[in-house]
């Protein structure tokens, strides 16, 4: 399956966050299957992102749309992926 140029998941989290690591681990096979990269952004490195997300991490987005927070919502992820297909 091909993806749009620059299309990727963005996972906002923190280095010490076990929920963030869990979500990344669950997301990796889905992203690989759909040919999408996962961009990891540590919110603690950006005061604006830290203020925006703070205790809500992890937060997963695709094409700028927030899909889920705290735990991977596979149904939301697959729905978003399906909506992207031509």
C-alpha atoms as a PDB file:
ATOM      1  CA  UNK A   1       0.000   0.000   0.000  1.00  0.00           C
ATOM      2  CA  UNK A   2       1.432   3.376  -0.910  1.00  0.00           C
ATOM      3  CA  UNK A   3       1.142   6.505   1.146  1.00  0.00           C
ATOM      4  CA  UNK A   4       0.976  10.186   0.312  1.00  0.00           C
ATOM      5  CA  UNK A   5       4.311  12.000   0.290  1.00  0.00           C
ATOM      6  CA  UNK A   6       5.120  13.159   3.793  1.00  0.00           C
ATOM      7  CA  UNK A   7       2.200  11.250   5.301  1.00  0.00           C
ATOM      8  CA  UNK A   8       3.024   9.866   8.696  1.00  0.00           C
ATOM      9  CA  UNK A   9       1.811   9.337  12.211  1.00  0.00           C
ATOM     10  CA  UNK A  10       2.899  11.821  14.853  1.00  0.00           C
ATOM     11  CA  UNK A  11       3.126  10.492  18.389  1.00  0.00           C
ATOM     12  CA  UNK A  12       3.401  13.128  21.101  1.00  0.00           C
ATOM     13  CA  UNK A  13       4.760  11.852  24.389  1.00  0.00           C
ATOM     14  CA  UNK A  14       7.462  11.912  27.021  1.00  0.00           C
ATOM     15  CA  UNK A  15      10.665   9.921  27.342  1.00  0.00           C
ATOM     16  CA  UNK A  16       9.696   8.474  30.732  1.00  0.00           C
ATOM     17  CA  UNK A  17       6.092   7.618  29.810  1.00  0.00           C
ATOM     18  CA  UNK A  18       5.292   3.887  29.767  1.00  0.00           C
ATOM     19  CA  UNK A  19       1.928   4.524  28.064  1.00  0.00           C
ATOM     20  CA  UNK A  20       3.818   6.315  25.282  1.00  0.00           C
ATOM     21  CA  UNK A  21       6.105   3.329  24.774  1.00  0.00           C
ATOM     22  CA  UNK A  22       3.110   0.979  24.804  1.00  0.00           C
ATOM     23  CA  UNK A  23       1.326   3.017  22.136  1.00  0.00           C
ATOM     24  CA  UNK A  24       4.437   3.203  19.970  1.00  0.00           C
ATOM     25  CA  UNK A  25       4.939  -0.572  20.208  1.00  0.00           C
ATOM     26  CA  UNK A  26       1.323  -1.252  19.230  1.00  0.00           C
ATOM     27  CA  UNK A  27       1.427   1.300  16.405  1.00  0.00           C
ATOM     28  CA  UNK A  28       4.690   0.164  14.769  1.00  0.00           C
ATOM     29  CA  UNK A  29       3.276  -2.926  12.980  1.00  0.00           C
ATOM     30  CA  UNK A  30       0.230  -0.973  11.759  1.00  0.00           C
ATOM     31  CA  UNK A  31       2.421   1.847  10.441  1.00  0.00           C
ATOM     32  CA  UNK A  32       4.782  -0.617   8.745  1.00  0.00           C
ATOM     33  CA  UNK A  33       1.889  -2.456   7.090  1.00  0.00           C
ATOM     34  CA  UNK A  34       0.623   0.826   5.633  1.00  0.00           C
ATOM     35  CA  UNK A  35       4.029   2.205   4.667  1.00  0.00           C
ATOM     36  CA  UNK A  36       3.838   5.099   7.120  1.00  0.00           C
ATOM     37  CA  UNK A  37       6.520   6.476   9.385  1.00  0.00           C
ATOM     38  CA  UNK A  38       6.011   7.356  13.037  1.00  0.00           C
ATOM     39  CA  UNK A  39       7.412  10.714  14.094  1.00  0.00           C
ATOM     40  CA  UNK A  40       8.110  10.772  17.828  1.00  0.00           C
ATOM     41  CA  UNK A  41       7.891  14.196  19.482  1.00  0.00           C
ATOM     42  CA  UNK A  42       8.947  14.597  23.106  1.00  0.00           C
ATOM     43  CA  UNK A  43       6.666  17.343  24.416  1.00  0.00           C
ATOM     44  CA  UNK A  44       9.110  18.185  27.203  1.00  0.00           C
ATOM     45  CA  UNK A  45      11.459  19.640  24.578  1.00  0.00           C
ATOM     46  CA  UNK A  46       8.906  22.278  23.505  1.00  0.00           C
ATOM     47  CA  UNK A  47       7.105  24.491  26.066  1.00  0.00           C
ATOM     48  CA  UNK A  48       4.151  25.067  23.723  1.00  0.00           C
ATOM     49  CA  UNK A  49       3.616  21.341  23.194  1.00  0.00           C
ATOM     50  CA  UNK A  50       4.104  20.663  26.890  1.00  0.00           C
ATOM     51  CA  UNK A  51       1.395  23.219  27.698  1.00  0.00           C
ATOM     52  CA  UNK A  52      -0.903  21.777  25.024  1.00  0.00           C
ATOM     53  CA  UNK A  53      -0.580  18.073  25.828  1.00  0.00           C
ATOM     54  CA  UNK A  54       0.909  17.888  29.350  1.00  0.00           C
ATOM     55  CA  UNK A  55      -0.825  14.984  31.150  1.00  0.00           C
ATOM     56  CA  UNK A  56      -2.774  13.825  28.055  1.00  0.00           C
ATOM     57  CA  UNK A  57       0.160  11.961  26.509  1.00  0.00           C
ATOM     58  CA  UNK A  58       0.516   9.902  24.526  1.00  0.00           C
ATOM     59  CA  UNK A  59      -1.457  11.597  21.776  1.00  0.00           C
ATOM     60  CA  UNK A  60      -1.477  10.130  18.262  1.00  0.00           C
ATOM     61  CA  UNK A  61      -2.246  12.118  15.126  1.00  0.00           C
ATOM     62  CA  UNK A  62      -2.402  11.315  11.420  1.00  0.00           C
ATOM     63  CA  UNK A  63      -2.444  14.102   8.837  1.00  0.00           C
ATOM     64  CA  UNK A  64      -2.893  16.588  11.693  1.00  0.00           C
ATOM     65  CA  UNK A  65      -6.022  14.888  13.040  1.00  0.00           C
ATOM     66  CA  UNK A  66      -5.945  13.620  16.618  1.00  0.00           C
ATOM     67  CA  UNK A  67      -6.871   9.933  16.678  1.00  0.00           C
ATOM     68  CA  UNK A  68      -6.421   8.891  20.291  1.00  0.00           C
ATOM     69  CA  UNK A  69      -4.740   9.580  23.603  1.00  0.00           C
ATOM     70  CA  UNK A  70      -3.486   7.432  26.492  1.00  0.00           C
ATOM     71  CA  UNK A  71      -4.090   4.100  24.695  1.00  0.00           C
ATOM     72  CA  UNK A  72      -4.047   3.109  21.029  1.00  0.00           C
ATOM     73  CA  UNK A  73      -7.565   3.111  19.600  1.00  0.00           C
ATOM     74  CA  UNK A  74      -7.004   0.673  16.742  1.00  0.00           C
ATOM     75  CA  UNK A  75     -10.507   1.221  15.399  1.00  0.00           C
ATOM     76  CA  UNK A  76      -9.903   4.987  15.095  1.00  0.00           C
ATOM     77  CA  UNK A  77      -6.515   4.369  13.464  1.00  0.00           C
ATOM     78  CA  UNK A  78      -7.917   1.951  10.879  1.00  0.00           C
ATOM     79  CA  UNK A  79     -10.862   4.278  10.186  1.00  0.00           C
ATOM     80  CA  UNK A  80      -8.454   7.161   9.535  1.00  0.00           C
ATOM     81  CA  UNK A  81      -6.288   4.977   7.311  1.00  0.00           C
ATOM     82  CA  UNK A  82      -9.348   3.816   5.376  1.00  0.00           C
ATOM     83  CA  UNK A  83     -10.484   7.394   4.864  1.00  0.00           C
ATOM     84  CA  UNK A  84      -7.122   8.231   3.270  1.00  0.00           C
ATOM     85  CA  UNK A  85      -7.339   5.572   0.562  1.00  0.00           C
ATOM     86  CA  UNK A  86      -8.405   6.770  -2.894  1.00  0.00           C
END
